[in-house]
N, C-alpha and C. Protein backbone atom coordinates (compact mmCIF):
# COMPACT_ATOMS: atom_id res chain seq x y z
N MET A 1 44.15 -100.76 4.46
CA MET A 1 44.88 -100.28 3.30
C MET A 1 45.55 -101.44 2.56
N ARG A 2 45.50 -101.40 1.24
CA ARG A 2 46.16 -102.42 0.43
C ARG A 2 47.57 -101.95 0.07
N LEU A 3 48.49 -102.91 0.06
CA LEU A 3 49.86 -102.63 -0.38
C LEU A 3 50.03 -103.15 -1.80
N ASP A 4 50.42 -102.25 -2.70
CA ASP A 4 50.78 -102.62 -4.07
C ASP A 4 52.21 -102.18 -4.29
N ALA A 5 53.09 -103.14 -4.51
CA ALA A 5 54.51 -102.81 -4.63
C ALA A 5 55.14 -103.56 -5.79
N ARG A 6 55.85 -102.82 -6.61
CA ARG A 6 56.77 -103.43 -7.56
C ARG A 6 58.14 -102.83 -7.27
N VAL A 7 59.00 -103.66 -6.73
CA VAL A 7 60.28 -103.21 -6.21
C VAL A 7 61.41 -103.77 -7.06
N VAL A 8 62.19 -102.87 -7.63
CA VAL A 8 63.39 -103.26 -8.38
C VAL A 8 64.59 -102.57 -7.73
N VAL A 9 65.51 -103.36 -7.23
CA VAL A 9 66.74 -102.85 -6.63
C VAL A 9 67.90 -103.60 -7.28
N ARG A 10 68.80 -102.87 -7.89
CA ARG A 10 69.92 -103.48 -8.60
C ARG A 10 71.20 -103.33 -7.80
N ARG A 11 71.94 -104.43 -7.69
CA ARG A 11 73.26 -104.45 -7.09
C ARG A 11 74.22 -105.09 -8.08
N PRO A 12 75.54 -104.93 -7.91
CA PRO A 12 76.48 -105.47 -8.90
C PRO A 12 76.27 -106.95 -9.21
N ALA A 13 75.96 -107.75 -8.19
CA ALA A 13 75.83 -109.19 -8.42
C ALA A 13 74.41 -109.69 -8.14
N PHE A 14 73.46 -108.78 -8.07
CA PHE A 14 72.12 -109.19 -7.63
C PHE A 14 71.09 -108.16 -8.06
N THR A 15 69.94 -108.63 -8.52
CA THR A 15 68.82 -107.74 -8.83
C THR A 15 67.56 -108.30 -8.19
N LEU A 16 66.93 -107.48 -7.36
CA LEU A 16 65.62 -107.81 -6.81
C LEU A 16 64.57 -107.23 -7.73
N ASP A 17 63.66 -108.06 -8.18
CA ASP A 17 62.55 -107.62 -9.02
C ASP A 17 61.31 -108.39 -8.56
N LEU A 18 60.55 -107.76 -7.66
CA LEU A 18 59.41 -108.43 -7.04
C LEU A 18 58.19 -107.54 -7.11
N GLU A 19 57.10 -108.10 -7.61
CA GLU A 19 55.82 -107.41 -7.61
C GLU A 19 54.89 -108.14 -6.66
N LEU A 20 54.31 -107.40 -5.72
CA LEU A 20 53.51 -108.03 -4.67
C LEU A 20 52.34 -107.14 -4.29
N THR A 21 51.17 -107.73 -4.21
CA THR A 21 49.98 -107.05 -3.69
C THR A 21 49.53 -107.79 -2.44
N VAL A 22 49.30 -107.03 -1.36
CA VAL A 22 48.84 -107.60 -0.09
C VAL A 22 47.58 -106.86 0.31
N GLN A 23 46.51 -107.59 0.48
CA GLN A 23 45.22 -106.99 0.80
C GLN A 23 45.15 -106.59 2.28
N PRO A 24 44.26 -105.67 2.64
CA PRO A 24 44.06 -105.35 4.06
C PRO A 24 43.68 -106.62 4.84
N GLY A 25 44.37 -106.86 5.91
CA GLY A 25 44.10 -108.03 6.73
C GLY A 25 44.76 -109.30 6.26
N GLU A 26 45.48 -109.24 5.14
CA GLU A 26 46.16 -110.42 4.62
C GLU A 26 47.61 -110.44 5.10
N THR A 27 48.11 -111.63 5.40
CA THR A 27 49.51 -111.82 5.76
C THR A 27 50.19 -112.67 4.71
N VAL A 28 51.22 -112.13 4.10
CA VAL A 28 51.99 -112.84 3.09
C VAL A 28 53.38 -113.13 3.65
N ALA A 29 53.80 -114.37 3.56
CA ALA A 29 55.13 -114.77 4.01
C ALA A 29 56.06 -114.88 2.81
N LEU A 30 57.19 -114.20 2.86
CA LEU A 30 58.26 -114.36 1.88
C LEU A 30 59.25 -115.36 2.43
N VAL A 31 59.48 -116.44 1.71
CA VAL A 31 60.40 -117.48 2.16
C VAL A 31 61.41 -117.74 1.06
N GLY A 32 62.55 -118.26 1.46
CA GLY A 32 63.60 -118.55 0.49
C GLY A 32 64.96 -118.49 1.14
N PRO A 33 66.00 -118.85 0.40
CA PRO A 33 67.36 -118.90 0.98
C PRO A 33 67.90 -117.51 1.25
N ASN A 34 68.96 -117.45 2.03
CA ASN A 34 69.66 -116.18 2.24
C ASN A 34 70.09 -115.61 0.89
N GLY A 35 69.95 -114.31 0.75
CA GLY A 35 70.32 -113.68 -0.50
C GLY A 35 69.23 -113.66 -1.55
N ALA A 36 68.02 -114.13 -1.19
CA ALA A 36 66.93 -114.14 -2.16
C ALA A 36 66.31 -112.77 -2.36
N GLY A 37 66.58 -111.83 -1.43
CA GLY A 37 66.04 -110.48 -1.56
C GLY A 37 64.87 -110.17 -0.66
N LYS A 38 64.57 -111.06 0.26
CA LYS A 38 63.39 -110.90 1.11
C LYS A 38 63.50 -109.66 1.99
N SER A 39 64.60 -109.53 2.71
CA SER A 39 64.78 -108.38 3.60
C SER A 39 64.95 -107.09 2.81
N THR A 40 65.58 -107.18 1.65
CA THR A 40 65.73 -106.00 0.80
C THR A 40 64.37 -105.46 0.40
N PHE A 41 63.44 -106.35 0.10
CA PHE A 41 62.09 -105.92 -0.26
C PHE A 41 61.44 -105.16 0.88
N LEU A 42 61.53 -105.68 2.09
CA LEU A 42 60.94 -104.99 3.24
C LEU A 42 61.55 -103.61 3.43
N GLN A 43 62.86 -103.53 3.35
CA GLN A 43 63.54 -102.25 3.56
C GLN A 43 63.20 -101.25 2.47
N ALA A 44 62.98 -101.73 1.25
CA ALA A 44 62.58 -100.84 0.17
C ALA A 44 61.17 -100.30 0.40
N VAL A 45 60.26 -101.15 0.82
CA VAL A 45 58.89 -100.70 1.11
C VAL A 45 58.90 -99.67 2.23
N ALA A 46 59.77 -99.88 3.22
CA ALA A 46 59.87 -98.95 4.35
C ALA A 46 60.61 -97.67 4.00
N GLY A 47 61.21 -97.61 2.82
CA GLY A 47 61.91 -96.40 2.40
C GLY A 47 63.36 -96.33 2.81
N LEU A 48 63.90 -97.40 3.37
CA LEU A 48 65.29 -97.41 3.80
C LEU A 48 66.25 -97.65 2.65
N ILE A 49 65.74 -98.22 1.56
CA ILE A 49 66.53 -98.47 0.36
C ILE A 49 65.79 -97.83 -0.81
N GLY A 50 66.48 -97.07 -1.61
CA GLY A 50 65.85 -96.46 -2.77
C GLY A 50 65.62 -97.46 -3.89
N LEU A 51 64.56 -97.26 -4.67
CA LEU A 51 64.28 -98.13 -5.81
C LEU A 51 65.07 -97.69 -7.03
N ASP A 52 65.47 -98.66 -7.83
CA ASP A 52 66.02 -98.36 -9.15
C ASP A 52 64.91 -98.31 -10.19
N ASP A 53 63.82 -98.98 -9.90
CA ASP A 53 62.64 -98.94 -10.75
C ASP A 53 61.46 -99.42 -9.91
N GLY A 54 60.25 -99.06 -10.35
CA GLY A 54 59.08 -99.57 -9.68
C GLY A 54 58.26 -98.51 -8.99
N LYS A 55 57.32 -99.00 -8.17
CA LYS A 55 56.35 -98.13 -7.52
C LYS A 55 55.82 -98.82 -6.27
N VAL A 56 55.64 -98.06 -5.20
CA VAL A 56 55.07 -98.59 -3.95
C VAL A 56 53.89 -97.72 -3.57
N VAL A 57 52.72 -98.35 -3.44
CA VAL A 57 51.49 -97.63 -3.10
C VAL A 57 50.87 -98.31 -1.89
N LEU A 58 50.53 -97.53 -0.89
CA LEU A 58 49.88 -98.03 0.32
C LEU A 58 48.55 -97.31 0.48
N GLY A 59 47.45 -98.02 0.22
CA GLY A 59 46.15 -97.37 0.22
C GLY A 59 46.14 -96.26 -0.82
N PRO A 60 45.76 -95.05 -0.43
CA PRO A 60 45.74 -93.94 -1.39
C PRO A 60 47.08 -93.23 -1.54
N HIS A 61 48.10 -93.69 -0.82
CA HIS A 61 49.36 -92.96 -0.74
C HIS A 61 50.42 -93.59 -1.65
N VAL A 62 50.97 -92.82 -2.54
CA VAL A 62 52.11 -93.24 -3.36
C VAL A 62 53.38 -92.96 -2.55
N LEU A 63 54.08 -94.02 -2.16
CA LEU A 63 55.28 -93.88 -1.35
C LEU A 63 56.54 -93.78 -2.21
N ASP A 64 56.53 -94.49 -3.31
CA ASP A 64 57.64 -94.44 -4.26
C ASP A 64 57.07 -94.54 -5.67
N ASP A 65 57.61 -93.78 -6.57
CA ASP A 65 57.31 -93.90 -8.00
C ASP A 65 58.52 -93.38 -8.74
N VAL A 66 59.34 -94.31 -9.21
CA VAL A 66 60.60 -93.91 -9.84
C VAL A 66 60.33 -93.07 -11.08
N ALA A 67 59.31 -93.44 -11.87
CA ALA A 67 59.03 -92.72 -13.10
C ALA A 67 58.67 -91.26 -12.85
N ASP A 68 57.98 -91.01 -11.72
CA ASP A 68 57.55 -89.64 -11.41
C ASP A 68 58.46 -88.95 -10.40
N GLY A 69 59.51 -89.61 -9.98
CA GLY A 69 60.45 -89.01 -9.04
C GLY A 69 59.91 -88.86 -7.63
N VAL A 70 59.00 -89.74 -7.22
CA VAL A 70 58.40 -89.68 -5.88
C VAL A 70 59.16 -90.60 -4.93
N HIS A 71 59.52 -90.07 -3.78
CA HIS A 71 60.10 -90.89 -2.71
C HIS A 71 59.73 -90.25 -1.38
N VAL A 72 58.81 -90.87 -0.66
CA VAL A 72 58.38 -90.38 0.65
C VAL A 72 59.40 -90.85 1.70
N PRO A 73 59.90 -89.94 2.55
CA PRO A 73 60.88 -90.35 3.58
C PRO A 73 60.32 -91.41 4.52
N THR A 74 61.21 -92.22 5.02
CA THR A 74 60.82 -93.33 5.90
C THR A 74 59.94 -92.87 7.05
N GLU A 75 60.30 -91.76 7.68
CA GLU A 75 59.58 -91.33 8.88
C GLU A 75 58.15 -90.87 8.59
N LEU A 76 57.81 -90.68 7.33
CA LEU A 76 56.45 -90.26 6.97
C LEU A 76 55.62 -91.39 6.40
N ARG A 77 56.13 -92.59 6.38
CA ARG A 77 55.45 -93.69 5.67
C ARG A 77 54.46 -94.48 6.52
N ARG A 78 54.55 -94.43 7.81
CA ARG A 78 53.71 -95.25 8.69
C ARG A 78 53.85 -96.74 8.37
N CYS A 79 55.09 -97.13 8.10
CA CYS A 79 55.42 -98.53 7.91
C CYS A 79 56.09 -99.04 9.19
N GLY A 80 55.56 -100.10 9.74
CA GLY A 80 56.15 -100.68 10.93
C GLY A 80 57.08 -101.82 10.55
N LEU A 81 58.38 -101.63 10.71
CA LEU A 81 59.37 -102.65 10.34
C LEU A 81 60.04 -103.18 11.59
N VAL A 82 59.92 -104.49 11.80
CA VAL A 82 60.61 -105.17 12.89
C VAL A 82 61.77 -105.94 12.28
N PHE A 83 62.99 -105.55 12.64
CA PHE A 83 64.18 -106.19 12.09
C PHE A 83 64.47 -107.51 12.81
N GLN A 84 65.23 -108.37 12.13
CA GLN A 84 65.68 -109.61 12.74
C GLN A 84 66.52 -109.33 13.98
N HIS A 85 67.36 -108.31 13.89
CA HIS A 85 68.17 -107.89 15.03
C HIS A 85 67.51 -106.63 15.59
N HIS A 86 66.94 -106.73 16.72
CA HIS A 86 65.96 -105.86 17.35
C HIS A 86 66.13 -104.37 17.13
N ARG A 87 67.34 -103.83 17.19
CA ARG A 87 67.60 -102.40 17.00
C ARG A 87 66.84 -101.51 17.98
N VAL A 88 66.78 -101.93 19.22
CA VAL A 88 66.26 -101.04 20.26
C VAL A 88 67.32 -100.00 20.58
N PHE A 89 66.89 -98.93 21.23
CA PHE A 89 67.82 -97.88 21.62
C PHE A 89 68.47 -98.28 22.95
N PRO A 90 69.77 -98.59 22.96
CA PRO A 90 70.38 -99.16 24.16
C PRO A 90 70.41 -98.22 25.34
N HIS A 91 70.38 -96.89 25.09
CA HIS A 91 70.48 -95.93 26.19
C HIS A 91 69.13 -95.64 26.83
N LEU A 92 68.05 -96.19 26.25
CA LEU A 92 66.71 -95.98 26.80
C LEU A 92 66.24 -97.23 27.53
N SER A 93 65.32 -97.04 28.46
CA SER A 93 64.72 -98.18 29.14
C SER A 93 63.76 -98.89 28.18
N ALA A 94 63.34 -100.09 28.57
CA ALA A 94 62.34 -100.81 27.78
C ALA A 94 61.08 -99.96 27.62
N LEU A 95 60.64 -99.32 28.70
CA LEU A 95 59.45 -98.47 28.64
C LEU A 95 59.64 -97.31 27.67
N GLU A 96 60.77 -96.65 27.76
CA GLU A 96 61.02 -95.49 26.90
C GLU A 96 61.17 -95.91 25.44
N ASN A 97 61.70 -97.11 25.20
CA ASN A 97 61.78 -97.61 23.83
C ASN A 97 60.39 -97.76 23.22
N VAL A 98 59.48 -98.37 23.95
CA VAL A 98 58.14 -98.59 23.42
C VAL A 98 57.39 -97.28 23.26
N ALA A 99 57.62 -96.35 24.18
CA ALA A 99 56.94 -95.05 24.11
C ALA A 99 57.51 -94.15 23.03
N PHE A 100 58.68 -94.48 22.50
CA PHE A 100 59.38 -93.59 21.57
C PHE A 100 58.53 -93.23 20.35
N GLY A 101 57.97 -94.24 19.70
CA GLY A 101 57.17 -93.98 18.51
C GLY A 101 55.92 -93.19 18.81
N LEU A 102 55.32 -93.46 19.93
CA LEU A 102 54.12 -92.72 20.33
C LEU A 102 54.44 -91.26 20.59
N ARG A 103 55.56 -91.02 21.26
CA ARG A 103 55.96 -89.64 21.52
C ARG A 103 56.27 -88.91 20.21
N ALA A 104 56.86 -89.64 19.25
CA ALA A 104 57.16 -89.04 17.96
C ALA A 104 55.89 -88.66 17.20
N GLN A 105 54.79 -89.34 17.51
CA GLN A 105 53.50 -89.03 16.90
C GLN A 105 52.76 -87.92 17.64
N GLY A 106 53.36 -87.41 18.70
CA GLY A 106 52.75 -86.31 19.44
C GLY A 106 51.90 -86.73 20.63
N VAL A 107 51.95 -88.01 21.01
CA VAL A 107 51.20 -88.48 22.17
C VAL A 107 51.85 -87.92 23.43
N PRO A 108 51.10 -87.30 24.33
CA PRO A 108 51.70 -86.76 25.56
C PRO A 108 52.43 -87.84 26.35
N ARG A 109 53.46 -87.43 27.06
CA ARG A 109 54.32 -88.38 27.75
C ARG A 109 53.57 -89.33 28.70
N PRO A 110 52.66 -88.83 29.57
CA PRO A 110 51.97 -89.76 30.47
C PRO A 110 51.15 -90.80 29.72
N GLU A 111 50.45 -90.38 28.67
CA GLU A 111 49.65 -91.32 27.89
C GLU A 111 50.54 -92.31 27.14
N ALA A 112 51.64 -91.81 26.58
CA ALA A 112 52.56 -92.69 25.86
C ALA A 112 53.15 -93.75 26.80
N HIS A 113 53.48 -93.35 28.01
CA HIS A 113 54.04 -94.31 28.97
C HIS A 113 52.99 -95.32 29.41
N GLU A 114 51.75 -94.89 29.55
CA GLU A 114 50.69 -95.83 29.93
C GLU A 114 50.46 -96.86 28.82
N GLN A 115 50.41 -96.39 27.58
CA GLN A 115 50.25 -97.32 26.46
C GLN A 115 51.46 -98.25 26.36
N ALA A 116 52.64 -97.71 26.61
CA ALA A 116 53.85 -98.53 26.56
C ALA A 116 53.81 -99.63 27.61
N ARG A 117 53.34 -99.29 28.81
CA ARG A 117 53.21 -100.32 29.86
C ARG A 117 52.25 -101.42 29.43
N GLN A 118 51.15 -101.06 28.79
CA GLN A 118 50.19 -102.05 28.33
C GLN A 118 50.82 -102.98 27.30
N TRP A 119 51.60 -102.41 26.39
CA TRP A 119 52.23 -103.25 25.38
C TRP A 119 53.33 -104.13 25.99
N LEU A 120 54.08 -103.60 26.93
CA LEU A 120 55.09 -104.42 27.59
C LEU A 120 54.44 -105.58 28.33
N ASP A 121 53.28 -105.33 28.90
CA ASP A 121 52.55 -106.40 29.59
C ASP A 121 52.13 -107.48 28.59
N ARG A 122 51.68 -107.08 27.42
CA ARG A 122 51.24 -108.04 26.40
C ARG A 122 52.37 -108.95 25.94
N VAL A 123 53.57 -108.41 25.88
CA VAL A 123 54.70 -109.22 25.40
C VAL A 123 55.50 -109.82 26.55
N GLY A 124 54.98 -109.72 27.77
CA GLY A 124 55.63 -110.34 28.92
C GLY A 124 56.84 -109.61 29.44
N MET A 125 56.94 -108.32 29.15
CA MET A 125 58.13 -107.56 29.52
C MET A 125 57.86 -106.47 30.56
N LEU A 126 56.67 -106.40 31.11
CA LEU A 126 56.37 -105.35 32.07
C LEU A 126 57.30 -105.37 33.29
N PRO A 127 57.69 -106.54 33.80
CA PRO A 127 58.62 -106.52 34.94
C PRO A 127 59.97 -105.89 34.62
N HIS A 128 60.29 -105.75 33.34
CA HIS A 128 61.57 -105.18 32.94
C HIS A 128 61.41 -103.78 32.36
N ALA A 129 60.29 -103.12 32.64
CA ALA A 129 59.99 -101.83 32.03
C ALA A 129 61.08 -100.79 32.29
N GLY A 130 61.64 -100.79 33.48
CA GLY A 130 62.63 -99.78 33.83
C GLY A 130 64.06 -100.16 33.51
N ARG A 131 64.26 -101.35 32.97
CA ARG A 131 65.62 -101.80 32.70
C ARG A 131 66.15 -101.19 31.41
N SER A 132 67.41 -100.80 31.44
CA SER A 132 68.05 -100.30 30.23
C SER A 132 68.03 -101.37 29.14
N ALA A 133 67.75 -100.96 27.92
CA ALA A 133 67.71 -101.93 26.82
C ALA A 133 69.05 -102.61 26.62
N ALA A 134 70.13 -101.94 26.99
CA ALA A 134 71.46 -102.53 26.86
C ALA A 134 71.64 -103.74 27.77
N ARG A 135 70.80 -103.86 28.80
CA ARG A 135 70.90 -104.95 29.76
C ARG A 135 69.90 -106.07 29.49
N LEU A 136 69.16 -105.97 28.40
CA LEU A 136 68.19 -107.00 28.05
C LEU A 136 68.87 -108.10 27.23
N SER A 137 68.34 -109.31 27.34
CA SER A 137 68.80 -110.39 26.47
C SER A 137 68.31 -110.12 25.05
N GLY A 138 68.84 -110.87 24.09
CA GLY A 138 68.42 -110.70 22.71
C GLY A 138 66.93 -110.94 22.53
N GLY A 139 66.40 -111.98 23.16
CA GLY A 139 64.98 -112.26 23.05
C GLY A 139 64.13 -111.20 23.71
N GLN A 140 64.57 -110.70 24.86
CA GLN A 140 63.83 -109.63 25.54
C GLN A 140 63.81 -108.35 24.70
N ALA A 141 64.97 -108.03 24.12
CA ALA A 141 65.04 -106.83 23.28
C ALA A 141 64.15 -106.97 22.05
N GLN A 142 64.06 -108.19 21.50
CA GLN A 142 63.20 -108.40 20.34
C GLN A 142 61.73 -108.22 20.71
N ALA A 143 61.35 -108.66 21.91
CA ALA A 143 59.99 -108.46 22.37
C ALA A 143 59.68 -106.97 22.52
N VAL A 144 60.64 -106.22 23.03
CA VAL A 144 60.46 -104.77 23.18
C VAL A 144 60.33 -104.11 21.81
N ALA A 145 61.15 -104.55 20.85
CA ALA A 145 61.10 -103.98 19.50
C ALA A 145 59.74 -104.24 18.86
N LEU A 146 59.21 -105.43 19.05
CA LEU A 146 57.90 -105.75 18.49
C LEU A 146 56.82 -104.90 19.14
N ALA A 147 56.87 -104.76 20.47
CA ALA A 147 55.90 -103.92 21.18
C ALA A 147 55.98 -102.47 20.70
N ARG A 148 57.19 -101.96 20.50
CA ARG A 148 57.37 -100.59 20.04
C ARG A 148 56.70 -100.38 18.68
N THR A 149 56.88 -101.34 17.79
CA THR A 149 56.32 -101.22 16.45
C THR A 149 54.79 -101.30 16.48
N LEU A 150 54.25 -102.26 17.20
CA LEU A 150 52.80 -102.42 17.25
C LEU A 150 52.12 -101.25 17.96
N ALA A 151 52.77 -100.69 18.97
CA ALA A 151 52.18 -99.57 19.71
C ALA A 151 51.95 -98.36 18.81
N ALA A 152 52.79 -98.20 17.79
CA ALA A 152 52.67 -97.05 16.89
C ALA A 152 51.55 -97.21 15.87
N GLU A 153 50.91 -98.39 15.83
CA GLU A 153 49.78 -98.66 14.93
C GLU A 153 50.09 -98.30 13.48
N PRO A 154 51.08 -98.96 12.88
CA PRO A 154 51.45 -98.64 11.50
C PRO A 154 50.37 -99.08 10.52
N ASP A 155 50.41 -98.50 9.32
CA ASP A 155 49.44 -98.85 8.28
C ASP A 155 49.80 -100.15 7.57
N VAL A 156 51.07 -100.52 7.60
CA VAL A 156 51.52 -101.80 7.08
C VAL A 156 52.58 -102.33 8.04
N LEU A 157 52.56 -103.64 8.27
CA LEU A 157 53.51 -104.25 9.20
C LEU A 157 54.46 -105.13 8.42
N LEU A 158 55.75 -104.89 8.58
CA LEU A 158 56.81 -105.60 7.88
C LEU A 158 57.66 -106.32 8.92
N LEU A 159 57.65 -107.63 8.91
CA LEU A 159 58.29 -108.43 9.94
C LEU A 159 59.44 -109.22 9.33
N ASP A 160 60.66 -108.91 9.74
CA ASP A 160 61.85 -109.56 9.21
C ASP A 160 62.40 -110.53 10.25
N GLU A 161 62.03 -111.80 10.12
CA GLU A 161 62.45 -112.83 11.08
C GLU A 161 62.20 -112.36 12.52
N PRO A 162 60.96 -111.98 12.85
CA PRO A 162 60.72 -111.35 14.15
C PRO A 162 60.89 -112.28 15.35
N PHE A 163 60.89 -113.60 15.11
CA PHE A 163 60.97 -114.54 16.23
C PHE A 163 62.32 -115.25 16.29
N ALA A 164 63.26 -114.84 15.44
CA ALA A 164 64.53 -115.57 15.34
C ALA A 164 65.34 -115.54 16.63
N ALA A 165 65.25 -114.44 17.38
CA ALA A 165 66.07 -114.31 18.59
C ALA A 165 65.40 -114.91 19.83
N LEU A 166 64.20 -115.43 19.66
CA LEU A 166 63.43 -115.91 20.81
C LEU A 166 63.73 -117.37 21.09
N ASP A 167 63.72 -117.73 22.37
CA ASP A 167 63.82 -119.14 22.70
C ASP A 167 62.46 -119.80 22.51
N GLU A 168 62.42 -121.11 22.57
CA GLU A 168 61.19 -121.83 22.27
C GLU A 168 60.08 -121.51 23.27
N ALA A 169 60.44 -121.16 24.49
CA ALA A 169 59.42 -120.85 25.50
C ALA A 169 58.74 -119.52 25.21
N ALA A 170 59.49 -118.55 24.69
CA ALA A 170 58.94 -117.21 24.46
C ALA A 170 58.22 -117.09 23.13
N ARG A 171 58.55 -117.93 22.16
CA ARG A 171 58.01 -117.80 20.81
C ARG A 171 56.48 -117.84 20.76
N PRO A 172 55.80 -118.78 21.43
CA PRO A 172 54.33 -118.82 21.32
C PRO A 172 53.66 -117.54 21.80
N LEU A 173 54.15 -116.92 22.87
CA LEU A 173 53.55 -115.69 23.38
C LEU A 173 53.64 -114.59 22.34
N LEU A 174 54.82 -114.40 21.74
CA LEU A 174 54.98 -113.34 20.75
C LEU A 174 54.19 -113.61 19.49
N GLN A 175 54.09 -114.88 19.09
CA GLN A 175 53.25 -115.21 17.94
C GLN A 175 51.79 -114.87 18.23
N GLU A 176 51.35 -115.14 19.44
CA GLU A 176 49.96 -114.84 19.79
C GLU A 176 49.72 -113.33 19.83
N VAL A 177 50.70 -112.57 20.30
CA VAL A 177 50.58 -111.10 20.30
C VAL A 177 50.43 -110.60 18.86
N VAL A 178 51.23 -111.13 17.97
CA VAL A 178 51.14 -110.72 16.57
C VAL A 178 49.78 -111.09 16.00
N ARG A 179 49.32 -112.31 16.25
CA ARG A 179 48.01 -112.72 15.75
C ARG A 179 46.91 -111.81 16.26
N ARG A 180 46.94 -111.49 17.53
CA ARG A 180 45.83 -110.77 18.15
C ARG A 180 45.83 -109.30 17.82
N HIS A 181 47.00 -108.69 17.74
CA HIS A 181 47.05 -107.23 17.65
C HIS A 181 47.54 -106.71 16.30
N ALA A 182 48.18 -107.56 15.51
CA ALA A 182 48.62 -107.12 14.18
C ALA A 182 47.66 -107.59 13.10
N PHE A 183 47.15 -108.80 13.25
CA PHE A 183 46.26 -109.35 12.24
C PHE A 183 44.83 -108.96 12.60
N ASP A 184 44.53 -107.68 12.41
CA ASP A 184 43.24 -107.14 12.85
C ASP A 184 42.28 -106.95 11.70
N GLY A 185 42.63 -107.45 10.52
CA GLY A 185 41.74 -107.31 9.38
C GLY A 185 41.82 -105.99 8.67
N GLU A 186 42.70 -105.11 9.10
CA GLU A 186 42.77 -103.77 8.52
C GLU A 186 44.07 -103.51 7.77
N ARG A 187 45.17 -104.01 8.27
CA ARG A 187 46.46 -103.67 7.67
C ARG A 187 47.06 -104.88 6.96
N PRO A 188 47.80 -104.65 5.87
CA PRO A 188 48.56 -105.73 5.26
C PRO A 188 49.80 -106.05 6.08
N VAL A 189 50.20 -107.30 6.07
CA VAL A 189 51.37 -107.76 6.81
C VAL A 189 52.25 -108.57 5.87
N VAL A 190 53.54 -108.26 5.86
CA VAL A 190 54.51 -109.06 5.10
C VAL A 190 55.51 -109.63 6.10
N LEU A 191 55.62 -110.94 6.10
CA LEU A 191 56.49 -111.66 7.04
C LEU A 191 57.61 -112.34 6.28
N VAL A 192 58.84 -112.06 6.67
CA VAL A 192 60.00 -112.79 6.16
C VAL A 192 60.40 -113.82 7.19
N THR A 193 60.54 -115.07 6.77
CA THR A 193 60.89 -116.10 7.73
C THR A 193 61.61 -117.25 7.05
N HIS A 194 62.50 -117.90 7.80
CA HIS A 194 63.11 -119.15 7.36
C HIS A 194 62.42 -120.34 8.03
N GLU A 195 61.48 -120.06 8.92
CA GLU A 195 60.84 -121.12 9.70
C GLU A 195 59.52 -121.52 9.05
N PRO A 196 59.42 -122.72 8.49
CA PRO A 196 58.14 -123.16 7.92
C PRO A 196 57.00 -123.11 8.93
N ALA A 197 57.31 -123.37 10.21
CA ALA A 197 56.26 -123.35 11.22
C ALA A 197 55.67 -121.96 11.38
N ASP A 198 56.50 -120.92 11.31
CA ASP A 198 56.00 -119.55 11.40
C ASP A 198 55.10 -119.23 10.21
N ALA A 199 55.53 -119.63 9.03
CA ALA A 199 54.72 -119.38 7.83
C ALA A 199 53.39 -120.09 7.92
N ARG A 200 53.40 -121.35 8.35
CA ARG A 200 52.14 -122.10 8.47
C ARG A 200 51.23 -121.49 9.51
N ALA A 201 51.81 -121.03 10.62
CA ALA A 201 51.00 -120.52 11.72
C ALA A 201 50.42 -119.14 11.45
N LEU A 202 51.12 -118.32 10.67
CA LEU A 202 50.77 -116.91 10.59
C LEU A 202 50.33 -116.43 9.21
N ALA A 203 50.73 -117.10 8.15
CA ALA A 203 50.54 -116.54 6.81
C ALA A 203 49.28 -117.07 6.14
N ASP A 204 48.61 -116.17 5.40
CA ASP A 204 47.51 -116.57 4.53
C ASP A 204 48.04 -117.06 3.18
N ARG A 205 49.22 -116.58 2.82
CA ARG A 205 49.79 -116.90 1.52
C ARG A 205 51.30 -116.93 1.64
N VAL A 206 51.93 -117.86 0.96
CA VAL A 206 53.38 -118.00 0.99
C VAL A 206 53.94 -117.73 -0.40
N VAL A 207 54.95 -116.86 -0.47
CA VAL A 207 55.60 -116.51 -1.73
C VAL A 207 57.05 -116.95 -1.64
N PRO A 208 57.41 -118.07 -2.28
CA PRO A 208 58.82 -118.50 -2.29
C PRO A 208 59.63 -117.62 -3.24
N MET A 209 60.83 -117.23 -2.81
CA MET A 209 61.71 -116.40 -3.62
C MET A 209 63.05 -117.09 -3.85
N VAL A 210 63.60 -116.87 -5.03
CA VAL A 210 64.94 -117.33 -5.38
C VAL A 210 65.60 -116.25 -6.22
N ALA A 211 66.78 -115.83 -5.82
CA ALA A 211 67.59 -114.87 -6.60
C ALA A 211 66.81 -113.62 -6.99
N GLY A 212 66.03 -113.08 -6.04
CA GLY A 212 65.38 -111.81 -6.26
C GLY A 212 64.06 -111.86 -6.98
N ARG A 213 63.57 -113.06 -7.25
CA ARG A 213 62.32 -113.19 -7.99
C ARG A 213 61.43 -114.26 -7.36
N VAL A 214 60.16 -114.23 -7.73
CA VAL A 214 59.22 -115.22 -7.23
C VAL A 214 59.50 -116.55 -7.93
N ALA A 215 59.67 -117.59 -7.13
CA ALA A 215 59.88 -118.92 -7.68
C ALA A 215 58.54 -119.58 -8.01
N ALA A 216 57.58 -119.42 -7.11
CA ALA A 216 56.25 -119.98 -7.27
C ALA A 216 55.39 -119.36 -6.20
N THR A 217 54.09 -119.46 -6.31
CA THR A 217 53.17 -118.95 -5.30
C THR A 217 52.23 -120.07 -4.89
N THR A 218 52.09 -120.26 -3.54
CA THR A 218 51.18 -121.27 -3.03
C THR A 218 50.14 -120.63 -2.17
């Protein structure tokens, strides 16, 4: 599915106005200083922030169209958003966190747990499957959050500084998981990062942003 988005979000001291097309299988990195609007764009595509103007289309599905009054709720969008701060459910185990999205899609509990174990294994977290998320380190929780998102097989993947909480030893494994299981040639991926190395390693195209707009495209 292709992502076509023109996102306008107005705030008292800031306006995001970004038009972006991401082809199936393409990874676009949004880079720029804090306050450039990168994370706001991801949250708007995911439906967490309403548009003041613009339109978001994913494949054949219109997710937002301000002119026509269309706004599809977040839970119906099949957008996989990984936040910089993991946002796992602290009262659930690592296994139950990863299985959560699958269960929400109607996958039976035994099958959801089996798939969750497979994903925890991929991100190096299977030994901690039964541990409460509240007892995980920041990097471990981020790995669980990434596994949870990928397990749900979203139509578009939105990554907001997904490796920021990881130590240098864990970063290569999670990058490889993203390369192998997210960059499958079918879904568009938008990556927000402050790390030039992440952009070089993962992105097909880099879009620099300044003050809510595209500064240049490389």
